[in-house]
Amino acid sequence: MPTAFRVAMALCISTLFAGSANAQSLPKEVATRAEIYPIPSLTLSDQQFLSGDAVAGKPVTVAGEFRVAQGTGKLPVVVLMHGSSGVGATTEAWVHAFNAMGISTFVIDGFTGRGLTVVGPNQALLGRLNLIVDIYRSLEILAKHPRVDPDRIVLMGFSRGGQATLYASLDRFNKLWNKSGVQFAAYIPFYPDCSTTYQSDGDVAARPIRIFHGTPDDYNPVTSCKAFVGRLKTAGRDVVLTEYPDSAHGFDSGLLGVSTVAVSANAQTVRNCHIKEGDGGVLMNGDTNAPFTYRDACVELNPHVGGNPTTAAESRKAVEEFLQALFKLG
């Protein structure tokens, strides 16, 4: 997959096609076609994003891999947004699961085109909200695709990508940055960071939000997500948080058989920070009332990550059943 993304960075669009005559003999999880798309986007600071300042952004081309599932006509799609370590092997497990259901997938690589591989040890390398721009730009591509049902596109993300998935639901952010003319049908964040309070963040799209998290997660603690979910429920939003009591950050790597938990060496976590949006789109440290930086005392290191095959399978089943109903699959 990284090789394909490098090709996309060179602004080449390549396709791999398995002829329809052979499609019937393919395993269900194998897509009949793959397309690599360059995605024109912007690299922005959080303040630029929050103030809607596209002019100050630096143009960049990121990439997406679109796999067309077996089937005919316009198909549903799940867009997948990676976390702080970029597109990893666990993403492939989810792609296979969705393709086997007859759901196409669009995997975004928001790092390679920016010259990044990981940002865990230095989260300041990319604005906390920047991946949302990549997500909306991807939606523009998919909304016009002849094999995509624009009313059945779901967004799913993991960790930093889960954070982007969660906040991509905000009405305000859609108005500022989503120029696709369509909305996601649902949002599925896995173990997102919910520690930041944005202005008007209770106003989210009238679409389901399904969050999956682990109780012992010390990278992005579930506690702050519970508080956010509580506010959304009070506002009458369709949001559900599924919490697994024995699952660390990245528990769905259990889909690959990973069953150990280890320290993510030198990775930064804002688990003890209280970040809030101030005037002019400036993110503030709620404890010091000064602009937030990753040098603040609340930023800590060495959270844990690891897989749990049992809860990984449970979460996959839950997501599949949710999509089965949402997309009205036969």
C-alpha atoms as a PDB file:
ATOM      1  CA  MET A   1       0.000   0.000   0.000  1.00  0.00           C
ATOM      2  CA  PRO A   2       2.723   2.580   0.731  1.00  0.00           C
ATOM      3  CA  THR A   3       4.106   2.045  -2.802  1.00  0.00           C
ATOM      4  CA  ALA A   4       0.711   2.795  -4.287  1.00  0.00           C
ATOM      5  CA  PHE A   5       0.470   5.952  -2.244  1.00  0.00           C
ATOM      6  CA  ARG A   6       3.886   7.101  -3.473  1.00  0.00           C
ATOM      7  CA  VAL A   7       2.621   6.643  -7.004  1.00  0.00           C
ATOM      8  CA  ALA A   8      -0.364   8.804  -6.154  1.00  0.00           C
ATOM      9  CA  MET A   9       1.929  11.453  -4.747  1.00  0.00           C
ATOM     10  CA  ALA A  10       3.508  11.659  -8.168  1.00  0.00           C
ATOM     11  CA  LEU A  11       0.025  12.594  -9.405  1.00  0.00           C
ATOM     12  CA  CYS A  12      -0.488   9.338 -11.261  1.00  0.00           C
ATOM     13  CA  ILE A  13      -3.825   7.593 -11.169  1.00  0.00           C
ATOM     14  CA  SER A  14      -3.459   3.857 -11.554  1.00  0.00           C
ATOM     15  CA  THR A  15      -6.093   1.181 -11.698  1.00  0.00           C
ATOM     16  CA  LEU A  16      -6.081  -2.509 -11.082  1.00  0.00           C
ATOM     17  CA  PHE A  17      -9.030  -4.292 -12.560  1.00  0.00           C
ATOM     18  CA  ALA A  18     -10.252  -7.814 -12.235  1.00  0.00           C
ATOM     19  CA  GLY A  19     -12.630  -8.438 -15.131  1.00  0.00           C
ATOM     20  CA  SER A  20     -16.271  -9.034 -14.358  1.00  0.00           C
ATOM     21  CA  ALA A  21     -16.005 -12.522 -15.821  1.00  0.00           C
ATOM     22  CA  ASN A  22     -13.598 -13.439 -13.032  1.00  0.00           C
ATOM     23  CA  ALA A  23     -15.325 -11.508 -10.252  1.00  0.00           C
ATOM     24  CA  GLN A  24     -17.622 -14.368  -9.333  1.00  0.00           C
ATOM     25  CA  SER A  25     -14.663 -16.601  -8.511  1.00  0.00           C
ATOM     26  CA  LEU A  26     -12.968 -14.072  -6.251  1.00  0.00           C
ATOM     27  CA  PRO A  27     -13.099 -14.408  -2.450  1.00  0.00           C
ATOM     28  CA  LYS A  28     -15.747 -12.046  -1.068  1.00  0.00           C
ATOM     29  CA  GLU A  29     -13.196  -9.790   0.632  1.00  0.00           C
ATOM     30  CA  VAL A  30     -11.347  -9.085  -2.625  1.00  0.00           C
ATOM     31  CA  ALA A  31     -12.333  -5.870  -4.416  1.00  0.00           C
ATOM     32  CA  THR A  32     -12.862  -5.999  -8.160  1.00  0.00           C
ATOM     33  CA  ARG A  33     -11.070  -2.725  -8.772  1.00  0.00           C
ATOM     34  CA  ALA A  34      -8.594  -0.390  -7.095  1.00  0.00           C
ATOM     35  CA  GLU A  35      -8.114   3.254  -7.952  1.00  0.00           C
ATOM     36  CA  ILE A  36      -5.443   5.555  -6.511  1.00  0.00           C
ATOM     37  CA  TYR A  37      -6.450   9.203  -6.236  1.00  0.00           C
ATOM     38  CA  PRO A  38      -4.372  12.316  -5.610  1.00  0.00           C
ATOM     39  CA  ILE A  39      -6.371  14.524  -3.233  1.00  0.00           C
ATOM     40  CA  PRO A  40      -5.733  18.280  -3.467  1.00  0.00           C
ATOM     41  CA  SER A  41      -5.760  19.521   0.119  1.00  0.00           C
ATOM     42  CA  LEU A  42      -4.247  22.099   2.457  1.00  0.00           C
ATOM     43  CA  THR A  43      -1.888  22.025   5.397  1.00  0.00           C
ATOM     44  CA  LEU A  44      -3.301  24.353   8.026  1.00  0.00           C
ATOM     45  CA  SER A  45      -2.702  25.311  11.620  1.00  0.00           C
ATOM     46  CA  ASP A  46      -5.579  24.699  14.002  1.00  0.00           C
ATOM     47  CA  GLN A  47      -6.192  28.433  14.196  1.00  0.00           C
ATOM     48  CA  GLN A  48      -6.385  28.687  10.397  1.00  0.00           C
ATOM     49  CA  PHE A  49      -8.814  25.759  10.317  1.00  0.00           C
ATOM     50  CA  LEU A  50     -11.041  27.155  13.052  1.00  0.00           C
ATOM     51  CA  SER A  51     -11.160  30.614  11.480  1.00  0.00           C
ATOM     52  CA  GLY A  52     -11.826  29.223   7.996  1.00  0.00           C
ATOM     53  CA  ASP A  53      -8.652  30.766   6.594  1.00  0.00           C
ATOM     54  CA  ALA A  54      -8.043  28.727   3.430  1.00  0.00           C
ATOM     55  CA  VAL A  55      -5.898  31.459   1.856  1.00  0.00           C
ATOM     56  CA  ALA A  56      -3.134  31.038   4.437  1.00  0.00           C
ATOM     57  CA  GLY A  57      -3.042  27.269   4.031  1.00  0.00           C
ATOM     58  CA  LYS A  58      -0.221  25.524   2.196  1.00  0.00           C
ATOM     59  CA  PRO A  59      -1.457  23.531  -0.825  1.00  0.00           C
ATOM     60  CA  VAL A  60      -0.559  19.851  -0.608  1.00  0.00           C
ATOM     61  CA  THR A  61      -1.530  16.655  -2.403  1.00  0.00           C
ATOM     62  CA  VAL A  62      -2.380  13.678  -0.243  1.00  0.00           C
ATOM     63  CA  ALA A  63      -3.701  10.335  -1.487  1.00  0.00           C
ATOM     64  CA  GLY A  64      -6.553   7.892  -1.254  1.00  0.00           C
ATOM     65  CA  GLU A  65      -6.996   4.283  -2.292  1.00  0.00           C
ATOM     66  CA  PHE A  66     -10.493   3.435  -3.482  1.00  0.00           C
ATOM     67  CA  ARG A  67     -11.404  -0.234  -3.645  1.00  0.00           C
ATOM     68  CA  VAL A  68     -14.625  -1.029  -5.466  1.00  0.00           C
ATOM     69  CA  ALA A  69     -16.314  -3.979  -3.806  1.00  0.00           C
ATOM     70  CA  GLN A  70     -17.927  -6.799  -5.743  1.00  0.00           C
ATOM     71  CA  GLY A  71     -21.364  -5.811  -6.923  1.00  0.00           C
ATOM     72  CA  THR A  72     -23.036  -3.651  -9.511  1.00  0.00           C
ATOM     73  CA  GLY A  73     -24.238  -0.078  -9.718  1.00  0.00           C
ATOM     74  CA  LYS A  74     -23.667   2.563  -7.071  1.00  0.00           C
ATOM     75  CA  LEU A  75     -22.284   0.988  -3.904  1.00  0.00           C
ATOM     76  CA  PRO A  76     -21.954   2.216  -0.299  1.00  0.00           C
ATOM     77  CA  VAL A  77     -18.505   3.314   0.864  1.00  0.00           C
ATOM     78  CA  VAL A  78     -16.608   3.496   4.144  1.00  0.00           C
ATOM     79  CA  VAL A  79     -13.895   6.171   4.246  1.00  0.00           C
ATOM     80  CA  LEU A  80     -11.056   5.230   6.631  1.00  0.00           C
ATOM     81  CA  MET A  81      -8.807   7.803   8.327  1.00  0.00           C
ATOM     82  CA  HIS A  82      -5.584   6.636   9.982  1.00  0.00           C
ATOM     83  CA  GLY A  83      -4.032   7.665  13.275  1.00  0.00           C
ATOM     84  CA  SER A  84      -0.669   9.084  14.337  1.00  0.00           C
ATOM     85  CA  SER A  85       1.348   6.230  12.823  1.00  0.00           C
ATOM     86  CA  GLY A  86      -0.162   6.504   9.348  1.00  0.00           C
ATOM     87  CA  VAL A  87      -1.913   3.782   7.362  1.00  0.00           C
ATOM     88  CA  GLY A  88      -1.192   0.470   9.087  1.00  0.00           C
ATOM     89  CA  ALA A  89      -1.946  -3.219   8.780  1.00  0.00           C
ATOM     90  CA  THR A  90      -5.093  -3.026  10.898  1.00  0.00           C
ATOM     91  CA  THR A  91      -6.659  -0.801   8.268  1.00  0.00           C
ATOM     92  CA  GLU A  92      -6.326  -3.656   5.784  1.00  0.00           C
ATOM     93  CA  ALA A  93      -8.295  -5.941   8.098  1.00  0.00           C
ATOM     94  CA  TRP A  94     -11.164  -3.453   8.129  1.00  0.00           C
ATOM     95  CA  VAL A  95     -10.980  -3.006   4.353  1.00  0.00           C
ATOM     96  CA  HIS A  96     -11.325  -6.763   3.852  1.00  0.00           C
ATOM     97  CA  ALA A  97     -14.263  -6.914   6.275  1.00  0.00           C
ATOM     98  CA  PHE A  98     -16.156  -4.148   4.475  1.00  0.00           C
ATOM     99  CA  ASN A  99     -15.336  -5.346   0.962  1.00  0.00           C
ATOM    100  CA  ALA A 100     -16.653  -8.792   1.948  1.00  0.00           C
ATOM    101  CA  MET A 101     -19.982  -7.117   2.784  1.00  0.00           C
ATOM    102  CA  GLY A 102     -20.186  -5.508  -0.650  1.00  0.00           C
ATOM    103  CA  ILE A 103     -19.089  -2.128   0.751  1.00  0.00           C
ATOM    104  CA  SER A 104     -16.378  -0.235  -1.102  1.00  0.00           C
ATOM    105  CA  THR A 105     -13.579   1.475   0.867  1.00  0.00           C
ATOM    106  CA  PHE A 106     -11.571   4.668   0.516  1.00  0.00           C
ATOM    107  CA  VAL A 107      -8.380   4.736   2.622  1.00  0.00           C
ATOM    108  CA  ILE A 108      -6.877   8.204   3.081  1.00  0.00           C
ATOM    109  CA  ASP A 109      -3.128   8.689   3.536  1.00  0.00           C
ATOM    110  CA  GLY A 110      -2.784  12.153   5.056  1.00  0.00           C
ATOM    111  CA  PHE A 111       0.924  11.796   5.860  1.00  0.00           C
ATOM    112  CA  THR A 112       3.017  10.730   2.862  1.00  0.00           C
ATOM    113  CA  GLY A 113       2.201  13.785   0.751  1.00  0.00           C
ATOM    114  CA  ARG A 114       3.215  15.986   3.675  1.00  0.00           C
ATOM    115  CA  GLY A 115       6.535  14.208   4.125  1.00  0.00           C
ATOM    116  CA  LEU A 116       5.357  12.588   7.372  1.00  0.00           C
ATOM    117  CA  THR A 117       5.436   8.982   8.548  1.00  0.00           C
ATOM    118  CA  VAL A 118       4.469   9.267  12.239  1.00  0.00           C
ATOM    119  CA  VAL A 119       3.532  12.185  14.496  1.00  0.00           C
ATOM    120  CA  GLY A 120       3.088  10.385  17.820  1.00  0.00           C
ATOM    121  CA  PRO A 121       6.347  11.678  19.356  1.00  0.00           C
ATOM    122  CA  ASN A 122       5.724  15.188  18.004  1.00  0.00           C
ATOM    123  CA  GLN A 123       2.031  15.916  17.489  1.00  0.00           C
ATOM    124  CA  ALA A 124       2.839  19.526  16.646  1.00  0.00           C
ATOM    125  CA  LEU A 125       4.020  18.357  13.200  1.00  0.00           C
ATOM    126  CA  LEU A 126       0.427  18.565  11.992  1.00  0.00           C
ATOM    127  CA  GLY A 127      -2.537  20.540  13.266  1.00  0.00           C
ATOM    128  CA  ARG A 128      -5.018  18.570  15.357  1.00  0.00           C
ATOM    129  CA  LEU A 129      -7.817  19.324  12.878  1.00  0.00           C
ATOM    130  CA  ASN A 130      -5.977  19.130   9.574  1.00  0.00           C
ATOM    131  CA  LEU A 131      -7.073  15.613   8.669  1.00  0.00           C
ATOM    132  CA  ILE A 132     -10.670  16.872   8.540  1.00  0.00           C
ATOM    133  CA  VAL A 133      -9.794  18.899   5.451  1.00  0.00           C
ATOM    134  CA  ASP A 134      -8.402  15.749   3.798  1.00  0.00           C
ATOM    135  CA  ILE A 135     -11.621  13.944   4.725  1.00  0.00           C
ATOM    136  CA  TYR A 136     -13.905  16.556   3.183  1.00  0.00           C
ATOM    137  CA  ARG A 137     -11.755  16.740   0.030  1.00  0.00           C
ATOM    138  CA  SER A 138     -12.056  12.955  -0.283  1.00  0.00           C
ATOM    139  CA  LEU A 139     -15.812  13.273   0.033  1.00  0.00           C
ATOM    140  CA  GLU A 140     -15.781  15.634  -2.955  1.00  0.00           C
ATOM    141  CA  ILE A 141     -14.118  12.926  -5.057  1.00  0.00           C
ATOM    142  CA  LEU A 142     -16.463  10.164  -3.929  1.00  0.00           C
ATOM    143  CA  ALA A 143     -19.641  12.216  -4.308  1.00  0.00           C
ATOM    144  CA  LYS A 144     -19.007  12.441  -8.069  1.00  0.00           C
ATOM    145  CA  HIS A 145     -17.865   8.852  -8.633  1.00  0.00           C
ATOM    146  CA  PRO A 146     -20.156   6.785 -10.888  1.00  0.00           C
ATOM    147  CA  ARG A 147     -19.819   3.686  -8.669  1.00  0.00           C
ATOM    148  CA  VAL A 148     -20.609   5.490  -5.389  1.00  0.00           C
ATOM    149  CA  ASP A 149     -23.988   6.059  -3.773  1.00  0.00           C
ATOM    150  CA  PRO A 150     -23.459   9.566  -2.354  1.00  0.00           C
ATOM    151  CA  ASP A 151     -26.144   9.024   0.267  1.00  0.00           C
ATOM    152  CA  ARG A 152     -24.349   5.975   1.676  1.00  0.00           C
ATOM    153  CA  ILE A 153     -20.839   7.164   2.541  1.00  0.00           C
ATOM    154  CA  VAL A 154     -19.700   6.567   6.122  1.00  0.00           C
ATOM    155  CA  LEU A 155     -16.603   7.974   7.835  1.00  0.00           C
ATOM    156  CA  MET A 156     -14.528   5.820  10.177  1.00  0.00           C
ATOM    157  CA  GLY A 157     -11.246   6.743  11.870  1.00  0.00           C
ATOM    158  CA  PHE A 158      -8.771   5.570  14.467  1.00  0.00           C
ATOM    159  CA  SER A 159      -7.082   7.538  17.285  1.00  0.00           C
ATOM    160  CA  ARG A 160      -6.027  10.861  15.690  1.00  0.00           C
ATOM    161  CA  GLY A 161      -8.158   9.797  12.746  1.00  0.00           C
ATOM    162  CA  GLY A 162     -10.941   8.942  15.175  1.00  0.00           C
ATOM    163  CA  GLN A 163     -10.687  12.453  16.554  1.00  0.00           C
ATOM    164  CA  ALA A 164     -10.937  13.814  12.999  1.00  0.00           C
ATOM    165  CA  THR A 165     -13.920  11.532  12.346  1.00  0.00           C
ATOM    166  CA  LEU A 166     -15.733  12.685  15.470  1.00  0.00           C
ATOM    167  CA  TYR A 167     -15.265  16.389  14.873  1.00  0.00           C
ATOM    168  CA  ALA A 168     -15.904  16.146  11.116  1.00  0.00           C
ATOM    169  CA  SER A 169     -19.527  15.749  12.247  1.00  0.00           C
ATOM    170  CA  LEU A 170     -19.692  19.335  13.529  1.00  0.00           C
ATOM    171  CA  ASP A 171     -22.125  21.516  11.577  1.00  0.00           C
ATOM    172  CA  ARG A 172     -19.753  24.457  11.814  1.00  0.00           C
ATOM    173  CA  PHE A 173     -16.839  22.550  10.305  1.00  0.00           C
ATOM    174  CA  ASN A 174     -19.024  21.201   7.508  1.00  0.00           C
ATOM    175  CA  LYS A 175     -20.108  24.733   6.631  1.00  0.00           C
ATOM    176  CA  LEU A 176     -16.518  25.986   6.677  1.00  0.00           C
ATOM    177  CA  TRP A 177     -14.775  23.205   4.778  1.00  0.00           C
ATOM    178  CA  ASN A 178     -17.132  20.627   3.243  1.00  0.00           C
ATOM    179  CA  LYS A 179     -17.738  21.715  -0.364  1.00  0.00           C
ATOM    180  CA  SER A 180     -18.884  18.310  -1.625  1.00  0.00           C
ATOM    181  CA  GLY A 181     -22.606  19.019  -1.490  1.00  0.00           C
ATOM    182  CA  VAL A 182     -23.217  15.826   0.519  1.00  0.00           C
ATOM    183  CA  GLN A 183     -22.858  14.681   4.115  1.00  0.00           C
ATOM    184  CA  PHE A 184     -21.554  11.483   5.601  1.00  0.00           C
ATOM    185  CA  ALA A 185     -24.293   9.022   6.461  1.00  0.00           C
ATOM    186  CA  ALA A 186     -22.649   8.203   9.812  1.00  0.00           C
ATOM    187  CA  TYR A 187     -19.472   8.677  11.837  1.00  0.00           C
ATOM    188  CA  ILE A 188     -17.577   5.799  13.489  1.00  0.00           C
ATOM    189  CA  PRO A 189     -14.638   6.999  15.638  1.00  0.00           C
ATOM    190  CA  PHE A 190     -12.426   4.397  17.310  1.00  0.00           C
ATOM    191  CA  TYR A 191     -10.657   5.507  20.527  1.00  0.00           C
ATOM    192  CA  PRO A 192     -10.664   9.228  19.646  1.00  0.00           C
ATOM    193  CA  ASP A 193      -9.303  12.069  21.751  1.00  0.00           C
ATOM    194  CA  CYS A 194     -12.245  14.099  23.077  1.00  0.00           C
ATOM    195  CA  SER A 195     -10.243  16.432  25.328  1.00  0.00           C
ATOM    196  CA  THR A 196     -10.889  19.601  23.298  1.00  0.00           C
ATOM    197  CA  THR A 197     -14.015  21.727  23.602  1.00  0.00           C
ATOM    198  CA  TYR A 198     -14.800  23.639  20.424  1.00  0.00           C
ATOM    199  CA  GLN A 199     -17.297  26.452  20.076  1.00  0.00           C
ATOM    200  CA  SER A 200     -20.746  25.120  19.088  1.00  0.00           C
ATOM    201  CA  ASP A 201     -19.460  21.530  19.220  1.00  0.00           C
ATOM    202  CA  GLY A 202     -22.848  20.323  20.396  1.00  0.00           C
ATOM    203  CA  ASP A 203     -24.235  21.138  16.963  1.00  0.00           C
ATOM    204  CA  VAL A 204     -23.409  18.045  14.955  1.00  0.00           C
ATOM    205  CA  ALA A 205     -24.838  16.638  11.740  1.00  0.00           C
ATOM    206  CA  ALA A 206     -28.170  14.837  12.074  1.00  0.00           C
ATOM    207  CA  ARG A 207     -26.435  11.534  11.456  1.00  0.00           C
ATOM    208  CA  PRO A 208     -25.575   8.609  13.764  1.00  0.00           C
ATOM    209  CA  ILE A 209     -22.287   8.730  15.681  1.00  0.00           C
ATOM    210  CA  ARG A 210     -20.959   5.421  17.004  1.00  0.00           C
ATOM    211  CA  ILE A 211     -17.841   5.623  19.202  1.00  0.00           C
ATOM    212  CA  PHE A 212     -15.790   2.574  20.235  1.00  0.00           C
ATOM    213  CA  HIS A 213     -13.333   2.933  23.126  1.00  0.00           C
ATOM    214  CA  GLY A 214     -11.506   1.050  25.852  1.00  0.00           C
ATOM    215  CA  THR A 215     -11.699   1.686  29.592  1.00  0.00           C
ATOM    216  CA  PRO A 216      -7.948   1.363  30.318  1.00  0.00           C
ATOM    217  CA  ASP A 217      -6.974   3.614  27.369  1.00  0.00           C
ATOM    218  CA  ASP A 218      -4.307   5.975  28.752  1.00  0.00           C
ATOM    219  CA  TYR A 219      -3.543   7.541  25.355  1.00  0.00           C
ATOM    220  CA  ASN A 220      -6.984   9.051  24.727  1.00  0.00           C
ATOM    221  CA  PRO A 221      -8.968   8.391  27.913  1.00  0.00           C
ATOM    222  CA  VAL A 222     -12.593   7.447  27.485  1.00  0.00           C
ATOM    223  CA  THR A 223     -13.626   9.791  30.319  1.00  0.00           C
ATOM    224  CA  SER A 224     -13.508  12.918  28.179  1.00  0.00           C
ATOM    225  CA  CYS A 225     -15.490  11.142  25.457  1.00  0.00           C
ATOM    226  CA  LYS A 226     -18.166  10.215  28.002  1.00  0.00           C
ATOM    227  CA  ALA A 227     -18.509  13.879  28.901  1.00  0.00           C
ATOM    228  CA  PHE A 228     -18.826  14.903  25.234  1.00  0.00           C
ATOM    229  CA  VAL A 229     -21.309  12.118  24.513  1.00  0.00           C
ATOM    230  CA  GLY A 230     -23.351  13.249  27.503  1.00  0.00           C
ATOM    231  CA  ARG A 231     -23.590  16.757  26.086  1.00  0.00           C
ATOM    232  CA  LEU A 232     -24.581  15.426  22.659  1.00  0.00           C
ATOM    233  CA  LYS A 233     -27.268  13.182  24.134  1.00  0.00           C
ATOM    234  CA  THR A 234     -28.647  16.107  26.108  1.00  0.00           C
ATOM    235  CA  ALA A 235     -28.905  17.945  22.793  1.00  0.00           C
ATOM    236  CA  GLY A 236     -30.880  15.012  21.377  1.00  0.00           C
ATOM    237  CA  ARG A 237     -28.186  13.666  19.034  1.00  0.00           C
ATOM    238  CA  ASP A 238     -28.001  10.047  17.884  1.00  0.00           C
ATOM    239  CA  VAL A 239     -24.740   9.049  19.565  1.00  0.00           C
ATOM    240  CA  VAL A 240     -23.680   5.782  21.192  1.00  0.00           C
ATOM    241  CA  LEU A 241     -20.419   5.059  23.026  1.00  0.00           C
ATOM    242  CA  THR A 242     -19.435   1.397  23.249  1.00  0.00           C
ATOM    243  CA  GLU A 243     -16.831   0.865  25.963  1.00  0.00           C
ATOM    244  CA  TYR A 244     -14.729  -2.268  26.400  1.00  0.00           C
ATOM    245  CA  PRO A 245     -13.405  -2.695  29.970  1.00  0.00           C
ATOM    246  CA  ASP A 246     -10.296  -4.686  29.035  1.00  0.00           C
ATOM    247  CA  SER A 247      -9.119  -2.968  25.867  1.00  0.00           C
ATOM    248  CA  ALA A 248      -6.145  -0.649  25.463  1.00  0.00           C
ATOM    249  CA  HIS A 249      -5.630   2.003  22.822  1.00  0.00           C
ATOM    250  CA  GLY A 250      -5.560   0.357  19.405  1.00  0.00           C
ATOM    251  CA  PHE A 251      -7.442  -2.722  20.631  1.00  0.00           C
ATOM    252  CA  ASP A 252      -8.699  -3.509  17.125  1.00  0.00           C
ATOM    253  CA  SER A 253      -5.178  -4.626  16.150  1.00  0.00           C
ATOM    254  CA  GLY A 254      -6.548  -7.799  17.691  1.00  0.00           C
ATOM    255  CA  LEU A 255      -8.073  -8.373  14.246  1.00  0.00           C
ATOM    256  CA  LEU A 256      -4.503  -9.284  13.245  1.00  0.00           C
ATOM    257  CA  GLY A 257      -4.038 -11.547  16.259  1.00  0.00           C
ATOM    258  CA  VAL A 258      -2.204  -8.951  18.364  1.00  0.00           C
ATOM    259  CA  SER A 259      -2.908  -9.664  22.036  1.00  0.00           C
ATOM    260  CA  THR A 260      -0.154  -7.810  23.883  1.00  0.00           C
ATOM    261  CA  VAL A 261      -0.030  -4.286  25.308  1.00  0.00           C
ATOM    262  CA  ALA A 262       3.164  -2.218  25.243  1.00  0.00           C
ATOM    263  CA  VAL A 263       4.369   1.331  25.812  1.00  0.00           C
ATOM    264  CA  SER A 264       4.261   3.589  22.774  1.00  0.00           C
ATOM    265  CA  ALA A 265       7.710   4.997  23.451  1.00  0.00           C
ATOM    266  CA  ASN A 266       7.889   8.790  23.634  1.00  0.00           C
ATOM    267  CA  ALA A 267       4.421   9.241  22.159  1.00  0.00           C
ATOM    268  CA  GLN A 268       2.724  12.396  23.379  1.00  0.00           C
ATOM    269  CA  THR A 269      -0.663  12.243  25.062  1.00  0.00           C
ATOM    270  CA  VAL A 270      -2.946  15.074  26.126  1.00  0.00           C
ATOM    271  CA  ARG A 271      -4.829  12.768  28.516  1.00  0.00           C
ATOM    272  CA  ASN A 272      -4.512  15.283  31.370  1.00  0.00           C
ATOM    273  CA  CYS A 273      -5.054  18.405  29.282  1.00  0.00           C
ATOM    274  CA  HIS A 274      -8.225  20.471  29.097  1.00  0.00           C
ATOM    275  CA  ILE A 275      -8.129  22.247  25.754  1.00  0.00           C
ATOM    276  CA  LYS A 276     -10.750  24.757  24.688  1.00  0.00           C
ATOM    277  CA  GLU A 277     -11.257  27.015  21.723  1.00  0.00           C
ATOM    278  CA  GLY A 278     -10.745  30.663  22.541  1.00  0.00           C
ATOM    279  CA  ASP A 279     -11.312  33.842  20.588  1.00  0.00           C
ATOM    280  CA  GLY A 280     -10.041  33.940  17.035  1.00  0.00           C
ATOM    281  CA  GLY A 281      -9.752  30.172  16.794  1.00  0.00           C
ATOM    282  CA  VAL A 282      -6.875  29.944  19.280  1.00  0.00           C
ATOM    283  CA  LEU A 283      -6.742  26.671  21.218  1.00  0.00           C
ATOM    284  CA  MET A 284      -6.267  27.454  24.901  1.00  0.00           C
ATOM    285  CA  ASN A 285      -4.992  25.427  27.834  1.00  0.00           C
ATOM    286  CA  GLY A 286      -7.999  25.429  30.139  1.00  0.00           C
ATOM    287  CA  ASP A 287      -5.819  25.094  33.228  1.00  0.00           C
ATOM    288  CA  THR A 288      -3.449  27.974  32.487  1.00  0.00           C
ATOM    289  CA  ASN A 289      -5.639  30.129  30.220  1.00  0.00           C
ATOM    290  CA  ALA A 290      -2.645  30.450  27.896  1.00  0.00           C
ATOM    291  CA  PRO A 291      -2.486  29.236  24.286  1.00  0.00           C
ATOM    292  CA  PHE A 292      -2.043  25.474  24.226  1.00  0.00           C
ATOM    293  CA  THR A 293       1.235  23.976  23.006  1.00  0.00           C
ATOM    294  CA  TYR A 294       2.683  20.475  23.133  1.00  0.00           C
ATOM    295  CA  ARG A 295       5.283  21.852  25.531  1.00  0.00           C
ATOM    296  CA  ASP A 296       2.615  22.404  28.197  1.00  0.00           C
ATOM    297  CA  ALA A 297       3.030  20.561  31.504  1.00  0.00           C
ATOM    298  CA  CYS A 298      -0.196  18.615  30.940  1.00  0.00           C
ATOM    299  CA  VAL A 299       1.296  16.846  27.903  1.00  0.00           C
ATOM    300  CA  GLU A 300       2.733  13.500  28.962  1.00  0.00           C
ATOM    301  CA  LEU A 301       4.619  10.644  27.278  1.00  0.00           C
ATOM    302  CA  ASN A 302       4.603   6.856  26.933  1.00  0.00           C
ATOM    303  CA  PRO A 303       0.957   5.784  26.802  1.00  0.00           C
ATOM    304  CA  HIS A 304       0.117   2.146  26.146  1.00  0.00           C
ATOM    305  CA  VAL A 305      -1.141   0.520  22.949  1.00  0.00           C
ATOM    306  CA  GLY A 306      -2.129  -3.046  22.209  1.00  0.00           C
ATOM    307  CA  GLY A 307      -4.626  -5.446  20.730  1.00  0.00           C
ATOM    308  CA  ASN A 308      -7.424  -7.535  22.139  1.00  0.00           C
ATOM    309  CA  PRO A 309      -8.640 -10.213  19.677  1.00  0.00           C
ATOM    310  CA  THR A 310     -11.903 -10.763  21.552  1.00  0.00           C
ATOM    311  CA  THR A 311     -13.070  -7.154  21.698  1.00  0.00           C
ATOM    312  CA  ALA A 312     -11.651  -6.489  18.238  1.00  0.00           C
ATOM    313  CA  ALA A 313     -13.972  -9.179  16.900  1.00  0.00           C
ATOM    314  CA  GLU A 314     -16.861  -7.812  18.967  1.00  0.00           C
ATOM    315  CA  SER A 315     -16.335  -4.298  17.637  1.00  0.00           C
ATOM    316  CA  ARG A 316     -16.079  -5.554  14.056  1.00  0.00           C
ATOM    317  CA  LYS A 317     -19.365  -7.427  14.470  1.00  0.00           C
ATOM    318  CA  ALA A 318     -21.010  -4.334  15.961  1.00  0.00           C
ATOM    319  CA  VAL A 319     -19.797  -2.116  13.113  1.00  0.00           C
ATOM    320  CA  GLU A 320     -20.859  -4.645  10.497  1.00  0.00           C
ATOM    321  CA  GLU A 321     -24.341  -4.956  11.995  1.00  0.00           C
ATOM    322  CA  PHE A 322     -24.650  -1.160  12.191  1.00  0.00           C
ATOM    323  CA  LEU A 323     -23.659  -0.764   8.524  1.00  0.00           C
ATOM    324  CA  GLN A 324     -25.894  -3.653   7.482  1.00  0.00           C
ATOM    325  CA  ALA A 325     -28.886  -1.775   8.885  1.00  0.00           C
ATOM    326  CA  LEU A 326     -27.778   1.718   7.849  1.00  0.00           C
ATOM    327  CA  PHE A 327     -27.022   0.741   4.247  1.00  0.00           C
ATOM    328  CA  LYS A 328     -30.011  -1.616   4.051  1.00  0.00           C
ATOM    329  CA  LEU A 329     -27.883  -4.455   2.737  1.00  0.00           C
ATOM    330  CA  GLY A 330     -29.661  -7.646   1.732  1.00  0.00           C
END
